[in-house]
Amino acid sequence: MIGDIIISVLQKCYNSYVFGKARLRAKFWGLFTKRMGKNAYILDYCHIYNPKGVEIGDYTGINHHTDIGGRGGLRIGNYVMIGPYCQILTAEHEYRNQKLPIYLQPIKCNEVVIEDDVWIGTKVVVLPGVCVGKGAIVGAGSVVTKNVEPYSIVAGVPAKFLKSRFPRINK
């Protein structure tokens, strides 16, 4: 009983420390991003490339080891949860000119939009030009190549529709 209480207190102290640092990290990145929402947090080892193109909403959490690109523009809504080891890409190399090595070809940018109340699982890759609709869930390890409908659950490589979060109401 006393051991459980001690463990509970230690866990609360640890979480307070970790998320306190994460909120400070969000405030720091907020100096460079287009917008950083209130009570957002960014855990350790996250990288934001081209932060001036990034908007992050209120109460949004970005988990550790996540890389975010802002070169093509990125809008992340409110109450979004992004799991660890994710990649959100807004730019990619062009590859169609046979006379040029891929390395020398131009960069193609496309905005990514992640709407409110989205949960992105661990190790998800979101490719440029994608919109993840409000309330959607993206399963762990997925590669999102196309838009995700609101309140849908998708998973896989490439991510495919599995089911809706809520039963559809016919009107």
C-alpha atoms as a PDB file:
ATOM      1  CA  MET A   1       0.000   0.000   0.000  1.00  0.00           C
ATOM      2  CA  ILE A   2       2.704   2.529   0.996  1.00  0.00           C
ATOM      3  CA  GLY A   3       4.822   1.320  -1.943  1.00  0.00           C
ATOM      4  CA  ASP A   4       1.935   2.003  -4.343  1.00  0.00           C
ATOM      5  CA  ILE A   5       1.525   5.520  -2.943  1.00  0.00           C
ATOM      6  CA  ILE A   6       5.246   6.223  -3.324  1.00  0.00           C
ATOM      7  CA  ILE A   7       5.210   4.935  -6.912  1.00  0.00           C
ATOM      8  CA  SER A   8       2.145   7.059  -7.689  1.00  0.00           C
ATOM      9  CA  VAL A   9       3.798  10.203  -6.265  1.00  0.00           C
ATOM     10  CA  LEU A  10       7.027   9.509  -8.186  1.00  0.00           C
ATOM     11  CA  GLN A  11       5.083   9.020 -11.424  1.00  0.00           C
ATOM     12  CA  LYS A  12       3.253  12.315 -10.920  1.00  0.00           C
ATOM     13  CA  CYS A  13       6.541  14.115 -10.235  1.00  0.00           C
ATOM     14  CA  TYR A  14       8.167  12.571 -13.294  1.00  0.00           C
ATOM     15  CA  ASN A  15       5.215  13.427 -15.567  1.00  0.00           C
ATOM     16  CA  SER A  16       5.101  16.968 -14.207  1.00  0.00           C
ATOM     17  CA  TYR A  17       8.816  17.387 -14.967  1.00  0.00           C
ATOM     18  CA  VAL A  18       8.659  15.832 -18.463  1.00  0.00           C
ATOM     19  CA  PHE A  19       5.552  17.708 -19.599  1.00  0.00           C
ATOM     20  CA  GLY A  20       6.766  20.935 -18.010  1.00  0.00           C
ATOM     21  CA  LYS A  21       9.906  20.699 -20.148  1.00  0.00           C
ATOM     22  CA  ALA A  22       7.778  19.801 -23.176  1.00  0.00           C
ATOM     23  CA  ARG A  23       5.639  22.912 -22.724  1.00  0.00           C
ATOM     24  CA  LEU A  24       8.788  25.039 -22.444  1.00  0.00           C
ATOM     25  CA  ARG A  25      10.073  23.424 -25.630  1.00  0.00           C
ATOM     26  CA  ALA A  26       6.795  24.385 -27.374  1.00  0.00           C
ATOM     27  CA  LYS A  27       7.177  27.972 -26.161  1.00  0.00           C
ATOM     28  CA  PHE A  28      10.723  28.009 -27.560  1.00  0.00           C
ATOM     29  CA  TRP A  29       9.587  26.695 -30.961  1.00  0.00           C
ATOM     30  CA  GLY A  30       6.742  29.214 -30.821  1.00  0.00           C
ATOM     31  CA  LEU A  31       9.361  31.946 -31.290  1.00  0.00           C
ATOM     32  CA  PHE A  32      10.037  30.577 -34.780  1.00  0.00           C
ATOM     33  CA  THR A  33       6.765  29.021 -35.963  1.00  0.00           C
ATOM     34  CA  LYS A  34       3.905  30.859 -37.637  1.00  0.00           C
ATOM     35  CA  ARG A  35       1.701  29.911 -34.671  1.00  0.00           C
ATOM     36  CA  MET A  36       2.079  27.876 -31.492  1.00  0.00           C
ATOM     37  CA  GLY A  37      -1.154  27.183 -29.641  1.00  0.00           C
ATOM     38  CA  LYS A  38      -1.697  27.459 -25.912  1.00  0.00           C
ATOM     39  CA  ASN A  39      -0.867  24.410 -23.814  1.00  0.00           C
ATOM     40  CA  ALA A  40       0.847  22.682 -26.737  1.00  0.00           C
ATOM     41  CA  TYR A  41       3.758  20.435 -25.897  1.00  0.00           C
ATOM     42  CA  ILE A  42       6.708  19.005 -27.800  1.00  0.00           C
ATOM     43  CA  LEU A  43       8.634  16.142 -26.237  1.00  0.00           C
ATOM     44  CA  ASP A  44      12.382  15.432 -26.524  1.00  0.00           C
ATOM     45  CA  TYR A  45      14.294  14.938 -29.774  1.00  0.00           C
ATOM     46  CA  CYS A  46      11.688  16.496 -32.068  1.00  0.00           C
ATOM     47  CA  HIS A  47      12.872  18.516 -35.025  1.00  0.00           C
ATOM     48  CA  ILE A  48      10.910  21.214 -36.825  1.00  0.00           C
ATOM     49  CA  TYR A  49      12.426  22.085 -40.172  1.00  0.00           C
ATOM     50  CA  ASN A  50      11.425  25.413 -41.736  1.00  0.00           C
ATOM     51  CA  PRO A  51       9.376  26.369 -38.657  1.00  0.00           C
ATOM     52  CA  LYS A  52       8.118  29.620 -40.202  1.00  0.00           C
ATOM     53  CA  GLY A  53       5.728  27.492 -42.290  1.00  0.00           C
ATOM     54  CA  VAL A  54       4.309  25.603 -39.294  1.00  0.00           C
ATOM     55  CA  GLU A  55       1.113  26.347 -37.349  1.00  0.00           C
ATOM     56  CA  ILE A  56       0.317  24.237 -34.264  1.00  0.00           C
ATOM     57  CA  GLY A  57      -3.031  24.492 -32.491  1.00  0.00           C
ATOM     58  CA  ASP A  58      -4.082  24.585 -28.853  1.00  0.00           C
ATOM     59  CA  TYR A  59      -3.668  21.514 -26.622  1.00  0.00           C
ATOM     60  CA  THR A  60      -1.697  19.670 -29.291  1.00  0.00           C
ATOM     61  CA  GLY A  61       0.987  17.181 -28.306  1.00  0.00           C
ATOM     62  CA  ILE A  62       3.943  16.097 -30.399  1.00  0.00           C
ATOM     63  CA  ASN A  63       5.679  13.031 -29.055  1.00  0.00           C
ATOM     64  CA  HIS A  64       9.416  12.326 -28.938  1.00  0.00           C
ATOM     65  CA  HIS A  65      11.612  11.733 -31.997  1.00  0.00           C
ATOM     66  CA  THR A  66       9.106  13.258 -34.422  1.00  0.00           C
ATOM     67  CA  ASP A  67      10.313  15.212 -37.455  1.00  0.00           C
ATOM     68  CA  ILE A  68       8.123  17.951 -38.896  1.00  0.00           C
ATOM     69  CA  GLY A  69       8.702  19.824 -42.139  1.00  0.00           C
ATOM     70  CA  GLY A  70       7.276  23.259 -42.731  1.00  0.00           C
ATOM     71  CA  ARG A  71       8.768  24.127 -46.107  1.00  0.00           C
ATOM     72  CA  GLY A  72       5.497  23.511 -47.962  1.00  0.00           C
ATOM     73  CA  GLY A  73       3.302  24.706 -45.096  1.00  0.00           C
ATOM     74  CA  LEU A  74       1.852  22.689 -42.235  1.00  0.00           C
ATOM     75  CA  ARG A  75      -1.306  23.397 -40.255  1.00  0.00           C
ATOM     76  CA  ILE A  76      -1.947  21.231 -37.200  1.00  0.00           C
ATOM     77  CA  GLY A  77      -5.284  21.814 -35.457  1.00  0.00           C
ATOM     78  CA  ASN A  78      -6.372  21.783 -31.828  1.00  0.00           C
ATOM     79  CA  TYR A  79      -6.378  18.708 -29.581  1.00  0.00           C
ATOM     80  CA  VAL A  80      -4.138  16.713 -31.923  1.00  0.00           C
ATOM     81  CA  MET A  81      -2.003  13.838 -30.636  1.00  0.00           C
ATOM     82  CA  ILE A  82       1.057  12.891 -32.686  1.00  0.00           C
ATOM     83  CA  GLY A  83       2.832   9.723 -31.602  1.00  0.00           C
ATOM     84  CA  PRO A  84       6.567   9.129 -31.338  1.00  0.00           C
ATOM     85  CA  TYR A  85       8.874   8.599 -34.322  1.00  0.00           C
ATOM     86  CA  CYS A  86       6.507  10.232 -36.837  1.00  0.00           C
ATOM     87  CA  GLN A  87       7.515  12.035 -40.023  1.00  0.00           C
ATOM     88  CA  ILE A  88       5.333  14.828 -41.407  1.00  0.00           C
ATOM     89  CA  LEU A  89       6.698  15.870 -44.783  1.00  0.00           C
ATOM     90  CA  THR A  90       5.700  18.929 -46.806  1.00  0.00           C
ATOM     91  CA  ALA A  91       8.405  18.750 -49.485  1.00  0.00           C
ATOM     92  CA  GLU A  92       9.885  16.070 -51.727  1.00  0.00           C
ATOM     93  CA  HIS A  93      12.351  15.774 -54.583  1.00  0.00           C
ATOM     94  CA  GLU A  94      11.086  15.911 -58.128  1.00  0.00           C
ATOM     95  CA  TYR A  95      12.338  12.925 -60.155  1.00  0.00           C
ATOM     96  CA  ARG A  96      10.917  13.128 -63.686  1.00  0.00           C
ATOM     97  CA  ASN A  97      13.848  14.791 -65.498  1.00  0.00           C
ATOM     98  CA  GLN A  98      15.943  11.894 -66.773  1.00  0.00           C
ATOM     99  CA  LYS A  99      18.856  14.213 -67.606  1.00  0.00           C
ATOM    100  CA  LEU A 100      19.342  15.313 -63.988  1.00  0.00           C
ATOM    101  CA  PRO A 101      20.271  13.220 -60.969  1.00  0.00           C
ATOM    102  CA  ILE A 102      17.470  13.257 -58.405  1.00  0.00           C
ATOM    103  CA  TYR A 103      19.772  15.158 -56.066  1.00  0.00           C
ATOM    104  CA  LEU A 104      19.846  18.115 -58.499  1.00  0.00           C
ATOM    105  CA  GLN A 105      16.140  18.144 -59.335  1.00  0.00           C
ATOM    106  CA  PRO A 106      13.882  20.779 -57.837  1.00  0.00           C
ATOM    107  CA  ILE A 107      12.012  20.381 -54.565  1.00  0.00           C
ATOM    108  CA  LYS A 108       8.223  20.156 -54.841  1.00  0.00           C
ATOM    109  CA  CYS A 109       6.287  21.536 -51.861  1.00  0.00           C
ATOM    110  CA  ASN A 110       2.699  20.825 -50.825  1.00  0.00           C
ATOM    111  CA  GLU A 111       0.898  21.896 -47.672  1.00  0.00           C
ATOM    112  CA  VAL A 112      -0.181  19.300 -45.112  1.00  0.00           C
ATOM    113  CA  VAL A 113      -3.265  19.938 -42.992  1.00  0.00           C
ATOM    114  CA  ILE A 114      -4.052  17.955 -39.861  1.00  0.00           C
ATOM    115  CA  GLU A 115      -7.437  19.071 -38.604  1.00  0.00           C
ATOM    116  CA  ASP A 116      -8.719  19.177 -34.992  1.00  0.00           C
ATOM    117  CA  ASP A 117      -9.052  16.107 -32.739  1.00  0.00           C
ATOM    118  CA  VAL A 118      -6.757  13.834 -34.759  1.00  0.00           C
ATOM    119  CA  TRP A 119      -4.724  10.965 -33.298  1.00  0.00           C
ATOM    120  CA  ILE A 120      -1.656   9.935 -35.274  1.00  0.00           C
ATOM    121  CA  GLY A 121      -0.095   6.706 -34.009  1.00  0.00           C
ATOM    122  CA  THR A 122       3.591   5.907 -33.594  1.00  0.00           C
ATOM    123  CA  LYS A 123       5.908   5.731 -36.620  1.00  0.00           C
ATOM    124  CA  VAL A 124       3.401   7.261 -39.048  1.00  0.00           C
ATOM    125  CA  VAL A 125       4.619   9.007 -42.196  1.00  0.00           C
ATOM    126  CA  VAL A 126       2.406  11.753 -43.646  1.00  0.00           C
ATOM    127  CA  LEU A 127       3.360  12.728 -47.201  1.00  0.00           C
ATOM    128  CA  PRO A 128       3.122  16.203 -48.780  1.00  0.00           C
ATOM    129  CA  GLY A 129      -0.262  17.480 -49.933  1.00  0.00           C
ATOM    130  CA  VAL A 130      -2.350  15.376 -47.534  1.00  0.00           C
ATOM    131  CA  CYS A 131      -5.252  16.524 -45.377  1.00  0.00           C
ATOM    132  CA  VAL A 132      -6.114  14.412 -42.325  1.00  0.00           C
ATOM    133  CA  GLY A 133      -9.752  15.209 -41.547  1.00  0.00           C
ATOM    134  CA  LYS A 134     -11.219  16.215 -38.213  1.00  0.00           C
ATOM    135  CA  GLY A 135     -11.481  13.427 -35.645  1.00  0.00           C
ATOM    136  CA  ALA A 136      -9.532  10.891 -37.725  1.00  0.00           C
ATOM    137  CA  ILE A 137      -7.250   8.192 -36.312  1.00  0.00           C
ATOM    138  CA  VAL A 138      -4.161   7.015 -38.203  1.00  0.00           C
ATOM    139  CA  GLY A 139      -2.883   3.599 -37.088  1.00  0.00           C
ATOM    140  CA  ALA A 140       0.707   2.982 -36.056  1.00  0.00           C
ATOM    141  CA  GLY A 141       3.228   2.437 -38.828  1.00  0.00           C
ATOM    142  CA  SER A 142       0.967   3.828 -41.553  1.00  0.00           C
ATOM    143  CA  VAL A 143       2.056   5.843 -44.569  1.00  0.00           C
ATOM    144  CA  VAL A 144      -0.567   8.466 -45.412  1.00  0.00           C
ATOM    145  CA  THR A 145      -0.465   9.162 -49.155  1.00  0.00           C
ATOM    146  CA  LYS A 146      -4.042  10.462 -49.673  1.00  0.00           C
ATOM    147  CA  ASN A 147      -6.525  12.613 -47.800  1.00  0.00           C
ATOM    148  CA  VAL A 148      -8.180  11.014 -44.767  1.00  0.00           C
ATOM    149  CA  GLU A 149     -11.909  11.604 -44.326  1.00  0.00           C
ATOM    150  CA  PRO A 150     -13.151  13.150 -41.062  1.00  0.00           C
ATOM    151  CA  TYR A 151     -13.844  10.692 -38.218  1.00  0.00           C
ATOM    152  CA  SER A 152     -12.379   7.758 -40.101  1.00  0.00           C
ATOM    153  CA  ILE A 153      -9.814   5.216 -38.968  1.00  0.00           C
ATOM    154  CA  VAL A 154      -7.072   4.388 -41.461  1.00  0.00           C
ATOM    155  CA  ALA A 155      -4.019   2.147 -41.303  1.00  0.00           C
ATOM    156  CA  GLY A 156      -1.479   0.401 -43.490  1.00  0.00           C
ATOM    157  CA  VAL A 157       1.091   1.093 -46.170  1.00  0.00           C
ATOM    158  CA  PRO A 158      -0.378   2.956 -47.913  1.00  0.00           C
ATOM    159  CA  ALA A 159      -3.013   3.914 -45.337  1.00  0.00           C
ATOM    160  CA  LYS A 160      -6.475   2.638 -46.227  1.00  0.00           C
ATOM    161  CA  PHE A 161      -9.901   3.265 -44.724  1.00  0.00           C
ATOM    162  CA  LEU A 162     -10.825   0.676 -42.061  1.00  0.00           C
ATOM    163  CA  LYS A 163     -13.967   2.077 -40.493  1.00  0.00           C
ATOM    164  CA  SER A 164     -15.651   5.185 -39.152  1.00  0.00           C
ATOM    165  CA  ARG A 165     -15.204   6.189 -35.525  1.00  0.00           C
ATOM    166  CA  PHE A 166     -18.945   6.691 -35.149  1.00  0.00           C
ATOM    167  CA  PRO A 167     -21.930   5.077 -36.859  1.00  0.00           C
ATOM    168  CA  ARG A 168     -23.157   7.095 -39.810  1.00  0.00           C
ATOM    169  CA  ILE A 169     -26.480   8.812 -39.238  1.00  0.00           C
ATOM    170  CA  ASN A 170     -28.773   8.851 -42.255  1.00  0.00           C
ATOM    171  CA  LYS A 171     -30.766  12.061 -42.612  1.00  0.00           C
END
